[in-house]
């Protein structure tokens, strides 16, 4: 997720007579390191979802649902089918199981973020 507090523009009305000059704020080295660490952890999770999803049984995920009103739902991975390469997840909101293919559906690991 993009954190607008780290990078980008901030409007500073006192910086120009018209009141609409944008001022770019530089991120500190610690902010950059933290952002890179979060990105690397996210990439590690995506790699595992696509290459060895069987090790993720018991992990929590967010799953993007293209149909319906709820776009993202949270779930727990409860199984993996090696022949279809689908994960069985239990939806937190309705407690129903769904079979999802991580190669075809957008998923992201949630929780402590450390899957190594």
PDB file of N, CA and C in Angstrom:
ATOM      1  N   UNK A   1       0.830  -1.184   0.000  1.00  0.00           N
ATOM      2  CA  UNK A   1       0.000   0.000   0.000  1.00  0.00           C
ATOM      3  C   UNK A   1       0.877   1.250   0.000  1.00  0.00           C
ATOM      4  N   UNK A   2       0.490   2.244  -0.756  1.00  0.00           N
ATOM      5  CA  UNK A   2       1.216   3.499  -0.849  1.00  0.00           C
ATOM      6  C   UNK A   2       0.947   4.335   0.393  1.00  0.00           C
ATOM      7  N   UNK A   3       1.994   4.840   1.001  1.00  0.00           N
ATOM      8  CA  UNK A   3       1.868   5.707   2.163  1.00  0.00           C
ATOM      9  C   UNK A   3       2.184   7.124   1.717  1.00  0.00           C
ATOM     10  N   UNK A   4       1.158   7.957   1.590  1.00  0.00           N
ATOM     11  CA  UNK A   4       1.342   9.314   1.076  1.00  0.00           C
ATOM     12  C   UNK A   4       2.166  10.192   2.007  1.00  0.00           C
ATOM     13  N   UNK A   5       2.350   9.764   3.260  1.00  0.00           N
ATOM     14  CA  UNK A   5       3.153  10.556   4.187  1.00  0.00           C
ATOM     15  C   UNK A   5       4.646  10.408   3.905  1.00  0.00           C
ATOM     16  N   UNK A   6       5.038   9.331   3.213  1.00  0.00           N
ATOM     17  CA  UNK A   6       6.451   9.126   2.952  1.00  0.00           C
ATOM     18  C   UNK A   6       6.967   9.973   1.803  1.00  0.00           C
ATOM     19  N   UNK A   7       6.272   9.961   0.682  1.00  0.00           N
ATOM     20  CA  UNK A   7       6.748  10.645  -0.506  1.00  0.00           C
ATOM     21  C   UNK A   7       5.581  11.389  -1.141  1.00  0.00           C
ATOM     22  N   UNK A   8       5.883  12.290  -2.030  1.00  0.00           N
ATOM     23  CA  UNK A   8       4.836  12.974  -2.755  1.00  0.00           C
ATOM     24  C   UNK A   8       4.849  14.452  -2.470  1.00  0.00           C
ATOM     25  N   UNK A   9       3.701  15.043  -2.630  1.00  0.00           N
ATOM     26  CA  UNK A   9       3.616  16.486  -2.449  1.00  0.00           C
ATOM     27  C   UNK A   9       2.690  16.823  -1.294  1.00  0.00           C
ATOM     28  N   UNK A  10       2.986  17.941  -0.705  1.00  0.00           N
ATOM     29  CA  UNK A  10       2.132  18.480   0.343  1.00  0.00           C
ATOM     30  C   UNK A  10       1.845  19.925  -0.028  1.00  0.00           C
ATOM     31  N   UNK A  11       0.609  20.329   0.094  1.00  0.00           N
ATOM     32  CA  UNK A  11       0.256  21.708  -0.233  1.00  0.00           C
ATOM     33  C   UNK A  11       0.606  22.592   0.947  1.00  0.00           C
ATOM     34  N   UNK A  12       1.337  23.651   0.655  1.00  0.00           N
ATOM     35  CA  UNK A  12       1.720  24.606   1.672  1.00  0.00           C
ATOM     36  C   UNK A  12       1.190  25.977   1.257  1.00  0.00           C
ATOM     37  N   UNK A  13       0.035  26.404   1.785  1.00  0.00           N
ATOM     38  CA  UNK A  13      -0.571  27.656   1.332  1.00  0.00           C
ATOM     39  C   UNK A  13       0.284  28.887   1.588  1.00  0.00           C
ATOM     40  N   UNK A  14       1.202  28.846   2.536  1.00  0.00           N
ATOM     41  CA  UNK A  14       2.026  30.014   2.841  1.00  0.00           C
ATOM     42  C   UNK A  14       3.240  30.128   1.926  1.00  0.00           C
ATOM     43  N   UNK A  15       3.460  29.139   1.058  1.00  0.00           N
ATOM     44  CA  UNK A  15       4.685  29.125   0.266  1.00  0.00           C
ATOM     45  C   UNK A  15       4.597  29.962  -1.002  1.00  0.00           C
ATOM     46  N   UNK A  16       3.416  30.428  -1.369  1.00  0.00           N
ATOM     47  CA  UNK A  16       3.320  31.270  -2.565  1.00  0.00           C
ATOM     48  C   UNK A  16       2.162  32.246  -2.399  1.00  0.00           C
ATOM     49  N   UNK A  17       2.205  33.344  -3.137  1.00  0.00           N
ATOM     50  CA  UNK A  17       1.120  34.322  -3.029  1.00  0.00           C
ATOM     51  C   UNK A  17      -0.236  33.749  -3.433  1.00  0.00           C
ATOM     52  N   UNK A  18      -0.245  32.790  -4.358  1.00  0.00           N
ATOM     53  CA  UNK A  18      -1.531  32.224  -4.782  1.00  0.00           C
ATOM     54  C   UNK A  18      -2.006  31.135  -3.837  1.00  0.00           C
ATOM     55  N   UNK A  19      -1.121  30.643  -2.968  1.00  0.00           N
ATOM     56  CA  UNK A  19      -1.517  29.655  -1.969  1.00  0.00           C
ATOM     57  C   UNK A  19      -1.624  28.233  -2.489  1.00  0.00           C
ATOM     58  N   UNK A  20      -1.114  27.953  -3.684  1.00  0.00           N
ATOM     59  CA  UNK A  20      -1.259  26.590  -4.202  1.00  0.00           C
ATOM     60  C   UNK A  20       0.051  25.963  -4.652  1.00  0.00           C
ATOM     61  N   UNK A  21       1.157  26.449  -4.174  1.00  0.00           N
ATOM     62  CA  UNK A  21       2.446  25.851  -4.522  1.00  0.00           C
ATOM     63  C   UNK A  21       2.593  24.514  -3.803  1.00  0.00           C
ATOM     64  N   UNK A  22       3.126  23.553  -4.524  1.00  0.00           N
ATOM     65  CA  UNK A  22       3.335  22.238  -3.926  1.00  0.00           C
ATOM     66  C   UNK A  22       4.794  22.111  -3.512  1.00  0.00           C
ATOM     67  N   UNK A  23       5.000  21.555  -2.342  1.00  0.00           N
ATOM     68  CA  UNK A  23       6.338  21.390  -1.807  1.00  0.00           C
ATOM     69  C   UNK A  23       6.612  19.893  -1.682  1.00  0.00           C
ATOM     70  N   UNK A  24       7.704  19.427  -2.244  1.00  0.00           N
ATOM     71  CA  UNK A  24       8.070  18.017  -2.170  1.00  0.00           C
ATOM     72  C   UNK A  24       8.882  17.801  -0.909  1.00  0.00           C
ATOM     73  N   UNK A  25       8.477  16.828  -0.116  1.00  0.00           N
ATOM     74  CA  UNK A  25       9.184  16.487   1.109  1.00  0.00           C
ATOM     75  C   UNK A  25      10.049  15.270   0.854  1.00  0.00           C
ATOM     76  N   UNK A  26      11.306  15.353   1.249  1.00  0.00           N
ATOM     77  CA  UNK A  26      12.210  14.215   1.094  1.00  0.00           C
ATOM     78  C   UNK A  26      12.026  13.249   2.252  1.00  0.00           C
ATOM     79  N   UNK A  27      12.114  11.979   1.934  1.00  0.00           N
ATOM     80  CA  UNK A  27      12.019  10.952   2.964  1.00  0.00           C
ATOM     81  C   UNK A  27      13.370  10.798   3.645  1.00  0.00           C
ATOM     82  N   UNK A  28      13.325  10.464   4.912  1.00  0.00           N
ATOM     83  CA  UNK A  28      14.575  10.200   5.632  1.00  0.00           C
ATOM     84  C   UNK A  28      15.098   8.823   5.228  1.00  0.00           C
ATOM     85  N   UNK A  29      16.354   8.570   5.533  1.00  0.00           N
ATOM     86  CA  UNK A  29      16.952   7.272   5.225  1.00  0.00           C
ATOM     87  C   UNK A  29      16.214   6.143   5.940  1.00  0.00           C
ATOM     88  N   UNK A  30      15.769   6.391   7.181  1.00  0.00           N
ATOM     89  CA  UNK A  30      15.020   5.369   7.930  1.00  0.00           C
ATOM     90  C   UNK A  30      13.681   5.077   7.269  1.00  0.00           C
ATOM     91  N   UNK A  31      13.014   6.110   6.760  1.00  0.00           N
ATOM     92  CA  UNK A  31      11.737   5.899   6.063  1.00  0.00           C
ATOM     93  C   UNK A  31      11.934   5.094   4.790  1.00  0.00           C
ATOM     94  N   UNK A  32      12.995   5.376   4.063  1.00  0.00           N
ATOM     95  CA  UNK A  32      13.282   4.641   2.836  1.00  0.00           C
ATOM     96  C   UNK A  32      13.594   3.181   3.164  1.00  0.00           C
ATOM     97  N   UNK A  33      14.420   2.942   4.184  1.00  0.00           N
ATOM     98  CA  UNK A  33      14.740   1.563   4.576  1.00  0.00           C
ATOM     99  C   UNK A  33      13.481   0.801   4.980  1.00  0.00           C
ATOM    100  N   UNK A  34      12.610   1.446   5.747  1.00  0.00           N
ATOM    101  CA  UNK A  34      11.375   0.786   6.174  1.00  0.00           C
ATOM    102  C   UNK A  34      10.481   0.465   4.972  1.00  0.00           C
ATOM    103  N   UNK A  35      10.383   1.386   4.028  1.00  0.00           N
ATOM    104  CA  UNK A  35       9.565   1.156   2.832  1.00  0.00           C
ATOM    105  C   UNK A  35      10.137   0.015   2.000  1.00  0.00           C
ATOM    106  N   UNK A  36      11.445  -0.039   1.849  1.00  0.00           N
ATOM    107  CA  UNK A  36      12.092  -1.115   1.089  1.00  0.00           C
ATOM    108  C   UNK A  36      11.885  -2.451   1.801  1.00  0.00           C
ATOM    109  N   UNK A  37      11.986  -2.459   3.124  1.00  0.00           N
ATOM    110  CA  UNK A  37      11.773  -3.686   3.893  1.00  0.00           C
ATOM    111  C   UNK A  37      10.343  -4.201   3.708  1.00  0.00           C
ATOM    112  N   UNK A  38       9.346  -3.301   3.775  1.00  0.00           N
ATOM    113  CA  UNK A  38       7.946  -3.712   3.569  1.00  0.00           C
ATOM    114  C   UNK A  38       7.748  -4.261   2.155  1.00  0.00           C
ATOM    115  N   UNK A  39       8.358  -3.614   1.165  1.00  0.00           N
ATOM    116  CA  UNK A  39       8.247  -4.063  -0.212  1.00  0.00           C
ATOM    117  C   UNK A  39       8.872  -5.451  -0.380  1.00  0.00           C
ATOM    118  N   UNK A  40      10.054  -5.656   0.201  1.00  0.00           N
ATOM    119  CA  UNK A  40      10.739  -6.953   0.091  1.00  0.00           C
ATOM    120  C   UNK A  40       9.920  -8.062   0.763  1.00  0.00           C
ATOM    121  N   UNK A  41       9.324  -7.773   1.921  1.00  0.00           N
ATOM    122  CA  UNK A  41       8.486  -8.755   2.597  1.00  0.00           C
ATOM    123  C   UNK A  41       7.265  -9.102   1.756  1.00  0.00           C
ATOM    124  N   UNK A  42       6.658  -8.094   1.144  1.00  0.00           N
ATOM    125  CA  UNK A  42       5.507  -8.324   0.267  1.00  0.00           C
ATOM    126  C   UNK A  42       5.921  -9.199  -0.914  1.00  0.00           C
ATOM    127  N   UNK A  43       7.077  -8.913  -1.520  1.00  0.00           N
ATOM    128  CA  UNK A  43       7.556  -9.699  -2.658  1.00  0.00           C
ATOM    129  C   UNK A  43       7.859 -11.142  -2.255  1.00  0.00           C
ATOM    130  N   UNK A  44       8.419 -11.327  -1.064  1.00  0.00           N
ATOM    131  CA  UNK A  44       8.669 -12.688  -0.567  1.00  0.00           C
ATOM    132  C   UNK A  44       7.363 -13.467  -0.461  1.00  0.00           C
ATOM    133  N   UNK A  45       6.347 -12.829   0.086  1.00  0.00           N
ATOM    134  CA  UNK A  45       5.039 -13.477   0.218  1.00  0.00           C
ATOM    135  C   UNK A  45       4.436 -13.824  -1.126  1.00  0.00           C
ATOM    136  N   UNK A  46       4.558 -12.915  -2.103  1.00  0.00           N
ATOM    137  CA  UNK A  46       4.018 -13.182  -3.438  1.00  0.00           C
ATOM    138  C   UNK A  46       4.758 -14.350  -4.090  1.00  0.00           C
ATOM    139  N   UNK A  47       6.071 -14.396  -3.920  1.00  0.00           N
ATOM    140  CA  UNK A  47       6.862 -15.492  -4.494  1.00  0.00           C
ATOM    141  C   UNK A  47       6.419 -16.826  -3.918  1.00  0.00           C
ATOM    142  N   UNK A  48       6.212 -16.884  -2.598  1.00  0.00           N
ATOM    143  CA  UNK A  48       5.786 -18.129  -1.960  1.00  0.00           C
ATOM    144  C   UNK A  48       4.373 -18.501  -2.392  1.00  0.00           C
ATOM    145  N   UNK A  49       3.472 -17.523  -2.496  1.00  0.00           N
ATOM    146  CA  UNK A  49       2.117 -17.805  -2.972  1.00  0.00           C
ATOM    147  C   UNK A  49       2.133 -18.464  -4.350  1.00  0.00           C
ATOM    148  N   UNK A  50       3.064 -18.061  -5.192  1.00  0.00           N
ATOM    149  CA  UNK A  50       3.103 -18.569  -6.562  1.00  0.00           C
ATOM    150  C   UNK A  50       3.950 -19.830  -6.741  1.00  0.00           C
ATOM    151  N   UNK A  51       4.952 -20.025  -5.898  1.00  0.00           N
ATOM    152  CA  UNK A  51       5.857 -21.150  -6.127  1.00  0.00           C
ATOM    153  C   UNK A  51       5.648 -22.323  -5.165  1.00  0.00           C
ATOM    154  N   UNK A  52       5.398 -22.048  -3.895  1.00  0.00           N
ATOM    155  CA  UNK A  52       5.217 -23.127  -2.912  1.00  0.00           C
ATOM    156  C   UNK A  52       4.064 -22.815  -1.962  1.00  0.00           C
ATOM    157  N   UNK A  53       2.844 -22.650  -2.490  1.00  0.00           N
ATOM    158  CA  UNK A  53       1.728 -22.250  -1.637  1.00  0.00           C
ATOM    159  C   UNK A  53       1.349 -23.278  -0.570  1.00  0.00           C
ATOM    160  N   UNK A  54       1.764 -24.528  -0.721  1.00  0.00           N
ATOM    161  CA  UNK A  54       1.402 -25.543   0.269  1.00  0.00           C
ATOM    162  C   UNK A  54       1.959 -25.229   1.657  1.00  0.00           C
ATOM    163  N   UNK A  55       3.051 -24.472   1.734  1.00  0.00           N
ATOM    164  CA  UNK A  55       3.639 -24.150   3.043  1.00  0.00           C
ATOM    165  C   UNK A  55       2.853 -23.059   3.771  1.00  0.00           C
ATOM    166  N   UNK A  56       1.861 -22.473   3.117  1.00  0.00           N
ATOM    167  CA  UNK A  56       1.121 -21.349   3.700  1.00  0.00           C
ATOM    168  C   UNK A  56      -0.169 -21.752   4.411  1.00  0.00           C
ATOM    169  N   UNK A  57      -0.446 -23.052   4.505  1.00  0.00           N
ATOM    170  CA  UNK A  57      -1.653 -23.487   5.219  1.00  0.00           C
ATOM    171  C   UNK A  57      -1.581 -22.958   6.648  1.00  0.00           C
ATOM    172  N   UNK A  58      -2.627 -22.270   7.073  1.00  0.00           N
ATOM    173  CA  UNK A  58      -2.680 -21.658   8.397  1.00  0.00           C
ATOM    174  C   UNK A  58      -2.422 -20.164   8.386  1.00  0.00           C
ATOM    175  N   UNK A  59      -1.898 -19.646   7.282  1.00  0.00           N
ATOM    176  CA  UNK A  59      -1.634 -18.206   7.178  1.00  0.00           C
ATOM    177  C   UNK A  59      -2.906 -17.448   6.803  1.00  0.00           C
ATOM    178  N   UNK A  60      -2.925 -16.175   7.159  1.00  0.00           N
ATOM    179  CA  UNK A  60      -4.047 -15.300   6.812  1.00  0.00           C
ATOM    180  C   UNK A  60      -3.716 -14.547   5.530  1.00  0.00           C
ATOM    181  N   UNK A  61      -4.740 -14.337   4.698  1.00  0.00           N
ATOM    182  CA  UNK A  61      -4.562 -13.641   3.430  1.00  0.00           C
ATOM    183  C   UNK A  61      -5.723 -12.682   3.200  1.00  0.00           C
ATOM    184  N   UNK A  62      -5.476 -11.713   2.333  1.00  0.00           N
ATOM    185  CA  UNK A  62      -6.543 -10.906   1.756  1.00  0.00           C
ATOM    186  C   UNK A  62      -6.679 -11.380   0.321  1.00  0.00           C
ATOM    187  N   UNK A  63      -7.912 -11.559  -0.118  1.00  0.00           N
ATOM    188  CA  UNK A  63      -8.187 -12.067  -1.456  1.00  0.00           C
ATOM    189  C   UNK A  63      -9.069 -11.055  -2.172  1.00  0.00           C
ATOM    190  N   UNK A  64      -8.725 -10.726  -3.414  1.00  0.00           N
ATOM    191  CA  UNK A  64      -9.513  -9.787  -4.203  1.00  0.00           C
ATOM    192  C   UNK A  64     -10.624 -10.549  -4.904  1.00  0.00           C
ATOM    193  N   UNK A  65     -11.851 -10.100  -4.684  1.00  0.00           N
ATOM    194  CA  UNK A  65     -13.023 -10.711  -5.303  1.00  0.00           C
ATOM    195  C   UNK A  65     -13.526  -9.766  -6.386  1.00  0.00           C
ATOM    196  N   UNK A  66     -13.531 -10.227  -7.613  1.00  0.00           N
ATOM    197  CA  UNK A  66     -13.943  -9.375  -8.733  1.00  0.00           C
ATOM    198  C   UNK A  66     -15.453  -9.140  -8.744  1.00  0.00           C
ATOM    199  N   UNK A  67     -16.220 -10.118  -8.309  1.00  0.00           N
ATOM    200  CA  UNK A  67     -17.674  -9.947  -8.301  1.00  0.00           C
ATOM    201  C   UNK A  67     -18.153  -9.632  -6.882  1.00  0.00           C
ATOM    202  N   UNK A  68     -19.346  -9.077  -6.792  1.00  0.00           N
ATOM    203  CA  UNK A  68     -19.901  -8.754  -5.479  1.00  0.00           C
ATOM    204  C   UNK A  68     -19.533  -7.353  -5.024  1.00  0.00           C
ATOM    205  N   UNK A  69     -20.021  -6.999  -3.849  1.00  0.00           N
ATOM    206  CA  UNK A  69     -19.782  -5.653  -3.339  1.00  0.00           C
ATOM    207  C   UNK A  69     -18.499  -5.559  -2.525  1.00  0.00           C
ATOM    208  N   UNK A  70     -18.120  -6.628  -1.850  1.00  0.00           N
ATOM    209  CA  UNK A  70     -16.882  -6.628  -1.078  1.00  0.00           C
ATOM    210  C   UNK A  70     -15.737  -6.948  -2.017  1.00  0.00           C
ATOM    211  N   UNK A  71     -14.848  -5.997  -2.214  1.00  0.00           N
ATOM    212  CA  UNK A  71     -13.747  -6.224  -3.147  1.00  0.00           C
ATOM    213  C   UNK A  71     -12.638  -7.081  -2.536  1.00  0.00           C
ATOM    214  N   UNK A  72     -12.207  -6.776  -1.333  1.00  0.00           N
ATOM    215  CA  UNK A  72     -11.188  -7.562  -0.647  1.00  0.00           C
ATOM    216  C   UNK A  72     -11.846  -8.271   0.521  1.00  0.00           C
ATOM    217  N   UNK A  73     -11.559  -9.542   0.702  1.00  0.00           N
ATOM    218  CA  UNK A  73     -12.021 -10.225   1.905  1.00  0.00           C
ATOM    219  C   UNK A  73     -10.822 -10.907   2.563  1.00  0.00           C
ATOM    220  N   UNK A  74     -10.905 -11.047   3.871  1.00  0.00           N
ATOM    221  CA  UNK A  74      -9.833 -11.704   4.605  1.00  0.00           C
ATOM    222  C   UNK A  74     -10.219 -13.162   4.828  1.00  0.00           C
ATOM    223  N   UNK A  75      -9.211 -14.009   4.862  1.00  0.00           N
ATOM    224  CA  UNK A  75      -9.456 -15.441   4.984  1.00  0.00           C
ATOM    225  C   UNK A  75      -8.237 -16.128   5.584  1.00  0.00           C
ATOM    226  N   UNK A  76      -8.449 -17.375   5.955  1.00  0.00           N
ATOM    227  CA  UNK A  76      -7.370 -18.232   6.434  1.00  0.00           C
ATOM    228  C   UNK A  76      -7.193 -19.344   5.407  1.00  0.00           C
ATOM    229  N   UNK A  77      -5.948 -19.633   5.051  1.00  0.00           N
ATOM    230  CA  UNK A  77      -5.666 -20.738   4.130  1.00  0.00           C
ATOM    231  C   UNK A  77      -5.793 -22.034   4.914  1.00  0.00           C
ATOM    232  N   UNK A  78      -6.729 -22.902   4.501  1.00  0.00           N
ATOM    233  CA  UNK A  78      -6.973 -24.149   5.229  1.00  0.00           C
ATOM    234  C   UNK A  78      -6.535 -25.382   4.450  1.00  0.00           C
ATOM    235  N   UNK A  79      -6.162 -25.211   3.187  1.00  0.00           N
ATOM    236  CA  UNK A  79      -5.719 -26.368   2.421  1.00  0.00           C
ATOM    237  C   UNK A  79      -5.132 -25.978   1.082  1.00  0.00           C
ATOM    238  N   UNK A  80      -4.494 -26.967   0.444  1.00  0.00           N
ATOM    239  CA  UNK A  80      -3.909 -26.750  -0.872  1.00  0.00           C
ATOM    240  C   UNK A  80      -4.091 -28.015  -1.689  1.00  0.00           C
ATOM    241  N   UNK A  81      -4.590 -27.885  -2.915  1.00  0.00           N
ATOM    242  CA  UNK A  81      -4.791 -29.000  -3.818  1.00  0.00           C
ATOM    243  C   UNK A  81      -3.663 -28.983  -4.848  1.00  0.00           C
ATOM    244  N   UNK A  82      -2.765 -29.960  -4.767  1.00  0.00           N
ATOM    245  CA  UNK A  82      -1.600 -29.969  -5.663  1.00  0.00           C
ATOM    246  C   UNK A  82      -1.974 -30.191  -7.118  1.00  0.00           C
ATOM    247  N   UNK A  83      -3.054 -30.926  -7.387  1.00  0.00           N
ATOM    248  CA  UNK A  83      -3.404 -31.198  -8.785  1.00  0.00           C
ATOM    249  C   UNK A  83      -3.994 -29.971  -9.478  1.00  0.00           C
ATOM    250  N   UNK A  84      -4.786 -29.175  -8.756  1.00  0.00           N
ATOM    251  CA  UNK A  84      -5.371 -27.968  -9.358  1.00  0.00           C
ATOM    252  C   UNK A  84      -4.563 -26.721  -9.041  1.00  0.00           C
ATOM    253  N   UNK A  85      -3.642 -26.837  -8.078  1.00  0.00           N
ATOM    254  CA  UNK A  85      -2.824 -25.713  -7.583  1.00  0.00           C
ATOM    255  C   UNK A  85      -3.678 -24.615  -6.952  1.00  0.00           C
ATOM    256  N   UNK A  86      -4.820 -24.997  -6.403  1.00  0.00           N
ATOM    257  CA  UNK A  86      -5.712 -24.031  -5.754  1.00  0.00           C
ATOM    258  C   UNK A  86      -5.570 -24.104  -4.241  1.00  0.00           C
ATOM    259  N   UNK A  87      -5.694 -22.944  -3.628  1.00  0.00           N
ATOM    260  CA  UNK A  87      -5.741 -22.856  -2.171  1.00  0.00           C
ATOM    261  C   UNK A  87      -7.194 -22.903  -1.735  1.00  0.00           C
ATOM    262  N   UNK A  88      -7.461 -23.601  -0.654  1.00  0.00           N
ATOM    263  CA  UNK A  88      -8.781 -23.548  -0.033  1.00  0.00           C
ATOM    264  C   UNK A  88      -8.683 -22.550   1.102  1.00  0.00           C
ATOM    265  N   UNK A  89      -9.522 -21.516   1.050  1.00  0.00           N
ATOM    266  CA  UNK A  89      -9.502 -20.475   2.074  1.00  0.00           C
ATOM    267  C   UNK A  89     -10.867 -20.374   2.723  1.00  0.00           C
ATOM    268  N   UNK A  90     -10.882 -20.064   4.009  1.00  0.00           N
ATOM    269  CA  UNK A  90     -12.136 -19.834   4.726  1.00  0.00           C
ATOM    270  C   UNK A  90     -12.304 -18.338   4.911  1.00  0.00           C
ATOM    271  N   UNK A  91     -13.342 -17.809   4.293  1.00  0.00           N
ATOM    272  CA  UNK A  91     -13.692 -16.382   4.337  1.00  0.00           C
ATOM    273  C   UNK A  91     -14.081 -16.001   5.759  1.00  0.00           C
ATOM    274  N   UNK A  92     -13.460 -14.949   6.301  1.00  0.00           N
ATOM    275  CA  UNK A  92     -13.743 -14.511   7.675  1.00  0.00           C
ATOM    276  C   UNK A  92     -15.163 -13.983   7.864  1.00  0.00           C
ATOM    277  N   UNK A  93     -15.729 -13.364   6.843  1.00  0.00           N
ATOM    278  CA  UNK A  93     -17.029 -12.695   7.034  1.00  0.00           C
ATOM    279  C   UNK A  93     -18.202 -13.658   7.007  1.00  0.00           C
ATOM    280  N   UNK A  94     -18.158 -14.669   6.152  1.00  0.00           N
ATOM    281  CA  UNK A  94     -19.299 -15.594   6.050  1.00  0.00           C
ATOM    282  C   UNK A  94     -18.929 -17.017   6.429  1.00  0.00           C
ATOM    283  N   UNK A  95     -17.666 -17.225   6.794  1.00  0.00           N
ATOM    284  CA  UNK A  95     -17.155 -18.531   7.218  1.00  0.00           C
ATOM    285  C   UNK A  95     -17.444 -19.621   6.190  1.00  0.00           C
ATOM    286  N   UNK A  96     -17.273 -19.272   4.918  1.00  0.00           N
ATOM    287  CA  UNK A  96     -17.425 -20.233   3.837  1.00  0.00           C
ATOM    288  C   UNK A  96     -16.066 -20.525   3.233  1.00  0.00           C
ATOM    289  N   UNK A  97     -15.921 -21.744   2.732  1.00  0.00           N
ATOM    290  CA  UNK A  97     -14.674 -22.098   2.054  1.00  0.00           C
ATOM    291  C   UNK A  97     -14.775 -21.750   0.581  1.00  0.00           C
ATOM    292  N   UNK A  98     -13.667 -21.250   0.042  1.00  0.00           N
ATOM    293  CA  UNK A  98     -13.552 -20.932  -1.378  1.00  0.00           C
ATOM    294  C   UNK A  98     -12.271 -21.559  -1.890  1.00  0.00           C
ATOM    295  N   UNK A  99     -12.279 -21.997  -3.138  1.00  0.00           N
ATOM    296  CA  UNK A  99     -11.055 -22.465  -3.790  1.00  0.00           C
ATOM    297  C   UNK A  99     -10.573 -21.347  -4.687  1.00  0.00           C
ATOM    298  N   UNK A 100      -9.338 -20.918  -4.452  1.00  0.00           N
ATOM    299  CA  UNK A 100      -8.757 -19.801  -5.200  1.00  0.00           C
ATOM    300  C   UNK A 100      -7.401 -20.200  -5.750  1.00  0.00           C
ATOM    301  N   UNK A 101      -7.140 -19.824  -6.984  1.00  0.00           N
ATOM    302  CA  UNK A 101      -5.849 -20.081  -7.606  1.00  0.00           C
ATOM    303  C   UNK A 101      -5.002 -18.815  -7.471  1.00  0.00           C
ATOM    304  N   UNK A 102      -3.917 -18.855  -6.700  1.00  0.00           N
ATOM    305  CA  UNK A 102      -3.107 -17.638  -6.500  1.00  0.00           C
ATOM    306  C   UNK A 102      -2.451 -17.132  -7.779  1.00  0.00           C
ATOM    307  N   UNK A 103      -2.434 -17.951  -8.839  1.00  0.00           N
ATOM    308  CA  UNK A 103      -1.908 -17.495 -10.125  1.00  0.00           C
ATOM    309  C   UNK A 103      -2.913 -16.635 -10.869  1.00  0.00           C
ATOM    310  N   UNK A 104      -4.207 -16.757 -10.499  1.00  0.00           N
ATOM    311  CA  UNK A 104      -5.275 -16.072 -11.227  1.00  0.00           C
ATOM    312  C   UNK A 104      -5.991 -14.998 -10.427  1.00  0.00           C
ATOM    313  N   UNK A 105      -5.890 -15.063  -9.106  1.00  0.00           N
ATOM    314  CA  UNK A 105      -6.593 -14.137  -8.222  1.00  0.00           C
ATOM    315  C   UNK A 105      -5.561 -13.372  -7.408  1.00  0.00           C
ATOM    316  N   UNK A 106      -5.780 -12.088  -7.249  1.00  0.00           N
ATOM    317  CA  UNK A 106      -4.840 -11.299  -6.457  1.00  0.00           C
ATOM    318  C   UNK A 106      -5.000 -11.641  -4.985  1.00  0.00           C
ATOM    319  N   UNK A 107      -3.881 -11.980  -4.351  1.00  0.00           N
ATOM    320  CA  UNK A 107      -3.859 -12.320  -2.927  1.00  0.00           C
ATOM    321  C   UNK A 107      -2.647 -11.660  -2.298  1.00  0.00           C
ATOM    322  N   UNK A 108      -2.775 -11.361  -1.009  1.00  0.00           N
ATOM    323  CA  UNK A 108      -1.608 -10.874  -0.270  1.00  0.00           C
ATOM    324  C   UNK A 108      -1.677 -11.410   1.154  1.00  0.00           C
ATOM    325  N   UNK A 109      -0.526 -11.803   1.635  1.00  0.00           N
ATOM    326  CA  UNK A 109      -0.430 -12.314   3.000  1.00  0.00           C
ATOM    327  C   UNK A 109      -0.620 -11.177   3.980  1.00  0.00           C
ATOM    328  N   UNK A 110      -1.292 -11.456   5.075  1.00  0.00           N
ATOM    329  CA  UNK A 110      -1.473 -10.443   6.112  1.00  0.00           C
ATOM    330  C   UNK A 110      -1.000 -11.030   7.436  1.00  0.00           C
ATOM    331  N   UNK A 111      -0.806 -10.181   8.385  1.00  0.00           N
ATOM    332  CA  UNK A 111      -0.317 -10.633   9.686  1.00  0.00           C
ATOM    333  C   UNK A 111       1.042 -10.024   9.945  1.00  0.00           C
ATOM    334  N   UNK A 112       1.948 -10.854  10.471  1.00  0.00           N
ATOM    335  CA  UNK A 112       3.270 -10.318  10.826  1.00  0.00           C
ATOM    336  C   UNK A 112       4.130 -10.034   9.608  1.00  0.00           C
ATOM    337  N   UNK A 113       3.743 -10.517   8.442  1.00  0.00           N
ATOM    338  CA  UNK A 113       4.469 -10.208   7.218  1.00  0.00           C
ATOM    339  C   UNK A 113       5.750 -10.996   7.024  1.00  0.00           C
ATOM    340  N   UNK A 114       6.143 -11.807   7.991  1.00  0.00           N
ATOM    341  CA  UNK A 114       7.388 -12.553   7.863  1.00  0.00           C
ATOM    342  C   UNK A 114       7.055 -14.005   7.568  1.00  0.00           C
ATOM    343  N   UNK A 115       7.325 -14.440   6.342  1.00  0.00           N
ATOM    344  CA  UNK A 115       7.000 -15.812   5.964  1.00  0.00           C
ATOM    345  C   UNK A 115       8.262 -16.617   5.701  1.00  0.00           C
ATOM    346  N   UNK A 116       9.405 -16.106   6.090  1.00  0.00           N
ATOM    347  CA  UNK A 116      10.668 -16.837   5.864  1.00  0.00           C
ATOM    348  C   UNK A 116      10.936 -17.824   6.949  1.00  0.00           C
TER     349      UNK A 116
END
